[in-house]
Amino acid sequence: MISYTSLMRCSIRLISCLAIAFASLQAGHAARPNIVLILADDMGWSDLGCYGSEIPTPSIDSLARQGMQATRCYTASRCSPSRASIMTGCEPHKVDVGLLDDDSGRPGYRGRLKPDIPTLPELLKKAGYRTYLSGKWHLGKVRGTYPWDRGFDRYRGLLGGAADYYRPMPDRPFGEDGRLLKPEDLPDDFYMTEDITKTALAYIDDAARAKAPFFLYVAYTAPHTPLQAPRGEIEKMLPLYEGKSPGSIAAKRLENQKRLGIVPPSAKLGMHNKFNPAGYEKTSAERKEYIAECMATYAAQISIMDRGVGKILESLDRHHLSGNTIVMFLSDNGATAEMPQNN
C-alpha cells in the first residue's frame, strides 16, 4: 500500500523522475499507483502551518504528518522554469524554458517546451495512465504547445501566467479540452482557485469511472498576485495580522520552526532591515491597516487553496483510491517580490 506522500518544496526536477519511476516499476501490475501532484504558485516556504506559519492549512499539514516533509530541497526562481522541469525532468534551459513563456528567439529561452523532449504525461500515457491537468500551464501559448498537445487527456485552466482571479480573460488565455474559451464561457461566480478545485474533483470522478491509473496535476495560481479573495475569507484572517508588524510575525514563525525542528536553534531571522520593528512603529495607522489587509488577503488565498486540497483528499477517500495514490504538494518558487500596490 502506498500512503499519502508530501514532498514539500522538493527538487522539482526530481518530481517527474519519481513519478515516472513509480509508474514504471509497476507498469505491468494491476495496482499501478495513481499520482496527484499539487502545485502552489509563488508561495513562501514558511507559509504553511507545518512549516511554522500562522495561516491555517490543516489539509496540507495532514500530508506532512502522513508522509515525508522536505526541509532541504530546491526549486527554480520563476514560474515557467519550475513547470518545465516538473513536466520533463530536465534543466529548464535544455527544454527552451529558461525564463517565462515569451519567445526571445535565443536558444534556451523560446518560451515553450521542445517538441522532441517527452513530457511526464506523454510518458505516463505509454504506461497506460489517464492524464489530467487542472489549472495553470505557462509552458507555451501558441498552437501546438498547449497541454492537450503535450500529453494531457483532459485540461481546463489558465494557459499563461497569473491573472485576475475573478475575470482572467481577455487579458490571459483560458482553455479547456482542446479549445480556447471566451469570457462569457466562465460562470458569473467564477473564482480561479475554486474552479481549479472543482475541475480536479471532476477529473477524479472521471478516473474512478475509467478504473485506470491516473496522473492528476493540480496547478493552482494561488497565492500569486494579484491579491484577491472573497471579503468574508479575508475577514477571517484579519485577526491574525491586525496590529502586528511583519517582523513580529516572521519572528514567531522562526520560533515555531525551531520548535518543530525545521531549522537549528541557532537560526536567526534574515532580512533584518526589511523587518525593522522601529520602522513599523513609525508607520501611519492607515499604512498599518493596509499591510494587515494585504497579509490577510494573501492568507485567505492560501486557506482557500488548502480547503481545495482537503476536498481532493476526501474525493480520493470516497472513491477508495487513497491507498494506491501518491500525493505530492510543492510550490513552483518562493514568495514573490512583486508588490501588491503594483497590481
Protein backbone atom coordinates (compact mmCIF):
# COMPACT_ATOMS: atom_id res chain seq x y z
CA MET A 1 0.00 0.00 0.00
CA ILE A 2 1.26 3.46 -0.88
CA SER A 3 0.37 6.09 1.67
CA TYR A 4 -0.08 9.79 1.01
CA THR A 5 3.30 11.36 0.48
CA SER A 6 4.04 15.05 0.79
CA LEU A 7 7.22 16.27 -0.88
CA MET A 8 7.06 19.87 0.30
CA ARG A 9 9.16 22.13 -1.95
CA CYS A 10 11.26 19.22 -3.12
CA SER A 11 13.67 19.40 -6.05
CA ILE A 12 11.35 20.00 -8.98
CA ARG A 13 13.44 18.02 -11.44
CA LEU A 14 13.22 15.06 -9.08
CA ILE A 15 9.41 15.12 -9.02
CA SER A 16 8.91 13.99 -12.60
CA CYS A 17 11.65 11.38 -12.27
CA LEU A 18 9.97 9.95 -9.16
CA ALA A 19 6.58 9.83 -10.84
CA ILE A 20 7.95 8.03 -13.89
CA ALA A 21 9.89 5.61 -11.69
CA PHE A 22 6.84 4.73 -9.58
CA ALA A 23 4.78 4.12 -12.69
CA SER A 24 7.49 2.16 -14.50
CA LEU A 25 8.22 -0.10 -11.54
CA GLN A 26 4.65 -1.37 -11.66
CA ALA A 27 3.90 -0.86 -15.37
CA GLY A 28 2.78 -4.44 -15.76
CA HIS A 29 0.97 -4.64 -12.45
CA ALA A 30 -2.74 -4.09 -11.85
CA ALA A 31 -2.03 -1.87 -8.85
CA ARG A 32 -0.05 0.83 -10.64
CA PRO A 33 -0.20 3.87 -8.34
CA ASN A 34 -2.20 6.95 -9.14
CA ILE A 35 -0.23 10.19 -8.93
CA VAL A 36 -1.64 13.52 -7.76
CA LEU A 37 0.76 16.46 -7.99
CA ILE A 38 -0.50 19.70 -6.41
CA LEU A 39 1.43 22.88 -7.13
CA ALA A 40 1.08 26.26 -5.41
CA ASP A 41 2.18 29.44 -7.19
CA ASP A 42 4.66 31.89 -5.63
CA MET A 43 4.14 30.62 -2.09
CA GLY A 44 6.82 31.17 0.54
CA TRP A 45 8.17 28.01 2.14
CA SER A 46 7.12 29.15 5.63
CA ASP A 47 3.52 29.94 4.61
CA LEU A 48 2.14 26.55 5.70
CA GLY A 49 1.20 25.54 9.22
CA CYS A 50 3.53 22.55 9.10
CA TYR A 51 6.40 24.98 8.45
CA GLY A 52 5.54 27.28 11.34
CA SER A 53 3.02 29.61 9.73
CA GLU A 54 0.07 31.24 11.46
CA ILE A 55 -2.01 30.59 8.32
CA PRO A 56 -4.38 27.64 8.94
CA THR A 57 -3.59 24.87 6.43
CA PRO A 58 -4.96 21.68 8.04
CA SER A 59 -5.30 19.68 4.81
CA ILE A 60 -1.74 20.27 3.62
CA ASP A 61 -0.48 19.77 7.18
CA SER A 62 -2.15 16.36 7.16
CA LEU A 63 0.00 15.38 4.18
CA ALA A 64 3.12 16.33 6.12
CA ARG A 65 2.01 14.21 9.08
CA GLN A 66 1.19 11.16 6.96
CA GLY A 67 4.13 11.31 4.59
CA MET A 68 7.50 12.93 4.10
CA GLN A 69 8.23 16.61 4.75
CA ALA A 70 11.21 18.10 2.93
CA THR A 71 13.42 20.66 4.65
CA ARG A 72 16.42 20.98 2.29
CA CYS A 73 15.12 20.99 -1.25
CA TYR A 74 15.30 23.44 -4.08
CA THR A 75 13.27 24.85 -6.94
CA ALA A 76 13.69 27.34 -9.77
CA SER A 77 13.13 31.05 -9.17
CA ARG A 78 10.35 31.65 -11.70
CA CYS A 79 7.04 30.02 -12.66
CA SER A 80 7.75 28.59 -16.12
CA PRO A 81 11.21 27.07 -15.50
CA SER A 82 9.83 25.22 -12.47
CA ARG A 83 6.97 23.82 -14.50
CA ALA A 84 9.31 22.88 -17.35
CA SER A 85 11.41 20.76 -15.00
CA ILE A 86 8.32 19.14 -13.47
CA MET A 87 6.96 18.23 -16.90
CA THR A 88 10.24 16.91 -18.35
CA GLY A 89 12.68 16.12 -15.55
CA CYS A 90 15.21 18.31 -17.37
CA GLU A 91 17.05 21.52 -16.53
CA PRO A 92 14.71 24.22 -17.90
CA HIS A 93 17.15 25.76 -20.39
CA LYS A 94 17.55 22.35 -22.02
CA VAL A 95 13.85 22.37 -22.90
CA ASP A 96 13.83 26.05 -24.01
CA VAL A 97 12.05 27.49 -20.96
CA GLY A 98 14.85 29.38 -19.26
CA LEU A 99 12.65 32.28 -18.16
CA LEU A 100 8.92 32.57 -18.90
CA ASP A 101 6.66 31.69 -21.84
CA ASP A 102 7.75 34.58 -24.09
CA ASP A 103 9.93 33.72 -27.10
CA SER A 104 13.18 35.70 -27.05
CA GLY A 105 14.47 33.96 -30.18
CA ARG A 106 17.50 32.68 -28.27
CA PRO A 107 18.34 29.01 -27.53
CA GLY A 108 17.11 28.07 -24.09
CA TYR A 109 14.61 30.95 -23.99
CA ARG A 110 11.97 30.09 -26.61
CA GLY A 111 9.19 30.07 -24.00
CA ARG A 112 7.72 26.69 -24.93
CA LEU A 113 8.68 23.06 -24.34
CA LYS A 114 10.85 21.48 -27.00
CA PRO A 115 8.70 19.10 -29.05
CA ASP A 116 11.39 16.39 -29.20
CA ILE A 117 11.67 16.02 -25.40
CA PRO A 118 8.82 13.95 -23.95
CA THR A 119 6.71 15.27 -21.12
CA LEU A 120 5.70 13.44 -17.97
CA PRO A 121 2.08 12.92 -19.12
CA GLU A 122 3.28 11.67 -22.52
CA LEU A 123 5.45 9.06 -20.83
CA LEU A 124 2.77 8.07 -18.34
CA LYS A 125 0.23 7.60 -21.13
CA LYS A 126 2.55 4.98 -22.61
CA ALA A 127 2.32 3.17 -19.25
CA GLY A 128 -1.47 3.12 -19.51
CA TYR A 129 -2.25 6.22 -17.42
CA ARG A 130 -5.06 8.69 -17.92
CA THR A 131 -3.66 12.22 -17.64
CA TYR A 132 -5.35 15.35 -16.31
CA LEU A 133 -4.34 18.97 -15.68
CA SER A 134 -6.47 21.47 -13.82
CA GLY A 135 -5.03 24.97 -13.55
CA LYS A 136 -2.04 26.94 -14.74
CA TRP A 137 0.08 25.74 -17.69
CA HIS A 138 2.55 28.58 -18.51
CA LEU A 139 4.65 26.40 -20.85
CA GLY A 140 3.54 27.62 -24.25
CA LYS A 141 0.82 29.91 -25.51
CA VAL A 142 0.81 29.21 -29.24
CA ARG A 143 -0.86 26.44 -31.23
CA GLY A 144 0.92 23.11 -30.81
CA THR A 145 2.24 23.91 -27.33
CA TYR A 146 -0.94 23.67 -25.23
CA PRO A 147 -1.48 20.95 -22.59
CA TRP A 148 -3.67 18.90 -24.94
CA ASP A 149 -0.74 18.94 -27.40
CA ARG A 150 1.71 17.66 -24.78
CA GLY A 151 0.07 14.58 -23.34
CA PHE A 152 -2.92 15.60 -21.24
CA ASP A 153 -6.20 13.81 -21.96
CA ARG A 154 -8.21 16.49 -20.15
CA TYR A 155 -7.39 20.09 -19.34
CA ARG A 156 -9.10 23.19 -18.04
CA GLY A 157 -7.33 26.28 -16.81
CA LEU A 158 -5.11 29.27 -17.36
CA LEU A 159 -2.73 28.81 -20.29
CA GLY A 160 -0.46 31.74 -19.47
CA GLY A 161 0.79 33.32 -16.26
CA ALA A 162 -1.13 34.79 -13.36
CA ALA A 163 -4.40 36.60 -13.97
CA ASP A 164 -7.37 38.20 -12.28
CA TYR A 165 -8.94 35.56 -10.02
CA TYR A 166 -12.46 36.62 -10.94
CA ARG A 167 -12.11 37.60 -14.60
CA PRO A 168 -8.92 36.15 -16.13
CA MET A 169 -9.98 36.87 -19.71
CA PRO A 170 -9.47 38.52 -22.15
CA ASP A 171 -6.05 39.52 -20.76
CA ARG A 172 -4.93 35.91 -20.37
CA PRO A 173 -5.90 32.86 -22.46
CA PHE A 174 -8.05 30.24 -20.76
CA GLY A 175 -8.62 26.82 -22.33
CA GLU A 176 -10.49 23.58 -21.92
CA ASP A 177 -10.11 20.24 -23.72
CA GLY A 178 -8.65 21.47 -26.98
CA ARG A 179 -10.32 24.86 -27.30
CA LEU A 180 -9.78 28.41 -26.14
CA LEU A 181 -12.62 29.80 -24.04
CA LYS A 182 -14.28 33.19 -24.23
CA PRO A 183 -15.05 35.40 -21.20
CA GLU A 184 -18.73 34.52 -21.44
CA ASP A 185 -17.86 30.82 -21.13
CA LEU A 186 -16.99 31.28 -17.44
CA PRO A 187 -19.76 31.36 -14.81
CA ASP A 188 -20.71 34.61 -13.10
CA ASP A 189 -19.46 33.31 -9.73
CA PHE A 190 -16.06 32.25 -11.13
CA TYR A 191 -13.11 32.34 -8.72
CA MET A 192 -9.90 30.81 -10.04
CA THR A 193 -8.88 28.71 -7.04
CA GLU A 194 -12.31 27.19 -6.58
CA ASP A 195 -12.64 26.48 -10.32
CA ILE A 196 -9.32 24.61 -10.27
CA THR A 197 -10.51 22.51 -7.33
CA LYS A 198 -13.91 21.83 -8.92
CA THR A 199 -12.25 20.70 -12.15
CA ALA A 200 -9.81 18.44 -10.28
CA LEU A 201 -12.72 16.77 -8.47
CA ALA A 202 -14.49 16.14 -11.78
CA TYR A 203 -11.32 14.55 -13.14
CA ILE A 204 -11.05 12.23 -10.13
CA ASP A 205 -14.65 11.18 -10.75
CA ASP A 206 -13.78 10.50 -14.40
CA ALA A 207 -10.71 8.48 -13.47
CA ALA A 208 -12.68 6.42 -10.94
CA ARG A 209 -15.23 5.52 -13.62
CA ALA A 210 -12.46 4.56 -16.05
CA LYS A 211 -10.85 2.23 -13.49
CA ALA A 212 -7.40 3.03 -14.88
CA PRO A 213 -4.34 4.52 -13.17
CA PHE A 214 -4.21 8.28 -13.50
CA PHE A 215 -1.91 11.27 -13.22
CA LEU A 216 -3.63 14.41 -11.95
CA TYR A 217 -1.68 17.68 -11.98
CA VAL A 218 -3.45 20.39 -9.96
CA ALA A 219 -1.68 23.68 -10.67
CA TYR A 220 -3.17 26.41 -8.50
CA THR A 221 -2.47 30.08 -9.23
CA ALA A 222 -2.78 30.87 -5.51
CA PRO A 223 -1.27 32.75 -3.83
CA HIS A 224 0.33 34.54 -6.81
CA THR A 225 -0.58 38.20 -7.21
CA PRO A 226 -2.97 39.92 -7.65
CA LEU A 227 -4.14 39.72 -4.04
CA GLN A 228 -7.81 38.79 -4.43
CA ALA A 229 -10.14 36.76 -2.22
CA PRO A 230 -13.79 36.91 -1.15
CA ARG A 231 -14.33 39.55 1.54
CA GLY A 232 -15.60 37.01 4.06
CA GLU A 233 -12.44 34.94 3.69
CA ILE A 234 -10.24 37.99 4.20
CA GLU A 235 -12.08 38.99 7.37
CA LYS A 236 -11.48 35.52 8.83
CA MET A 237 -7.73 36.14 8.54
CA LEU A 238 -7.60 39.78 9.66
CA PRO A 239 -7.30 38.99 13.42
CA LEU A 240 -4.01 37.22 12.64
CA TYR A 241 -2.46 40.45 11.36
CA GLU A 242 -4.20 43.49 12.80
CA GLY A 243 -1.79 45.49 14.93
CA LYS A 244 1.10 43.10 14.25
CA SER A 245 4.24 44.04 12.39
CA PRO A 246 5.62 41.78 9.62
CA GLY A 247 8.74 41.47 11.76
CA SER A 248 6.86 40.10 14.76
CA ILE A 249 5.04 37.60 12.54
CA ALA A 250 8.32 36.46 10.96
CA ALA A 251 9.92 36.13 14.42
CA LYS A 252 7.01 33.98 15.61
CA ARG A 253 7.35 31.74 12.56
CA LEU A 254 11.05 31.29 13.27
CA GLU A 255 10.24 30.38 16.87
CA ASN A 256 7.74 27.77 15.64
CA GLN A 257 10.25 26.38 13.13
CA LYS A 258 12.81 25.88 15.88
CA ARG A 259 10.21 24.12 17.99
CA LEU A 260 9.29 21.87 15.05
CA GLY A 261 12.95 21.09 14.34
CA ILE A 262 12.81 22.54 10.84
CA VAL A 263 15.67 24.98 11.48
CA PRO A 264 18.52 24.73 14.01
CA PRO A 265 18.20 26.51 17.38
CA SER A 266 20.94 28.95 16.28
CA ALA A 267 18.98 30.17 13.23
CA LYS A 268 18.40 33.91 13.05
CA LEU A 269 15.79 35.95 11.23
CA GLY A 270 17.06 37.19 7.87
CA MET A 271 16.26 40.48 6.13
CA HIS A 272 16.70 42.42 9.39
CA ASN A 273 16.28 45.83 7.77
CA LYS A 274 13.16 44.66 5.95
CA PHE A 275 11.60 43.61 9.25
CA ASN A 276 12.70 46.63 11.28
CA PRO A 277 10.26 46.90 14.23
CA ALA A 278 11.11 50.57 14.79
CA GLY A 279 10.20 51.36 11.21
CA TYR A 280 6.80 49.71 11.62
CA GLU A 281 6.03 51.63 14.79
CA LYS A 282 6.60 54.90 12.96
CA THR A 283 4.20 53.87 10.18
CA SER A 284 0.84 55.62 9.95
CA ALA A 285 -2.32 53.90 11.12
CA GLU A 286 -3.61 53.85 7.55
CA ARG A 287 -0.44 52.13 6.34
CA LYS A 288 -0.63 49.55 9.13
CA GLU A 289 -4.22 48.81 8.18
CA TYR A 290 -3.17 48.40 4.55
CA ILE A 291 -0.36 45.99 5.48
CA ALA A 292 -2.73 43.88 7.61
CA GLU A 293 -5.27 43.81 4.76
CA CYS A 294 -2.64 42.62 2.28
CA MET A 295 -1.38 39.87 4.59
CA ALA A 296 -4.92 38.76 5.40
CA THR A 297 -5.79 38.55 1.70
CA TYR A 298 -2.67 36.53 0.97
CA ALA A 299 -3.50 34.20 3.87
CA ALA A 300 -7.07 33.85 2.60
CA GLN A 301 -5.80 32.79 -0.83
CA ILE A 302 -3.72 30.04 0.78
CA SER A 303 -6.56 28.98 3.07
CA ILE A 304 -8.95 28.61 0.12
CA MET A 305 -6.35 26.53 -1.71
CA ASP A 306 -5.86 24.35 1.38
CA ARG A 307 -9.60 23.78 1.56
CA GLY A 308 -9.46 22.63 -2.06
CA VAL A 309 -6.66 20.20 -1.23
CA GLY A 310 -8.87 18.81 1.52
CA LYS A 311 -11.69 18.23 -0.97
CA ILE A 312 -9.29 16.41 -3.31
CA LEU A 313 -8.15 14.13 -0.48
CA GLU A 314 -11.76 13.50 0.54
CA SER A 315 -12.63 12.57 -3.06
CA LEU A 316 -9.79 10.06 -3.18
CA ASP A 317 -11.11 8.55 0.06
CA ARG A 318 -14.68 8.46 -1.22
CA HIS A 319 -13.61 6.60 -4.36
CA HIS A 320 -11.42 4.23 -2.31
CA LEU A 321 -8.33 5.43 -4.18
CA SER A 322 -6.29 6.75 -1.26
CA GLY A 323 -4.43 3.53 -0.54
CA ASN A 324 -2.90 3.44 -4.01
CA THR A 325 -2.35 7.14 -4.69
CA ILE A 326 0.84 9.15 -4.32
CA VAL A 327 0.06 12.76 -3.38
CA MET A 328 2.77 15.40 -3.67
CA PHE A 329 2.49 19.09 -2.77
CA LEU A 330 5.04 21.78 -3.55
CA SER A 331 5.38 25.39 -4.67
CA ASP A 332 6.83 26.44 -8.01
CA ASN A 333 9.11 29.01 -6.32
CA GLY A 334 9.32 31.11 -3.19
CA ALA A 335 7.31 34.12 -2.13
CA THR A 336 7.12 36.81 -4.78
CA ALA A 337 8.92 40.15 -4.68
CA GLU A 338 6.08 41.72 -6.68
CA MET A 339 4.33 44.33 -4.56
CA PRO A 340 0.53 44.35 -4.19
CA GLN A 341 0.29 48.07 -4.95
CA ASN A 342 1.54 47.33 -8.46
CA ASN A 343 -1.48 45.15 -9.26
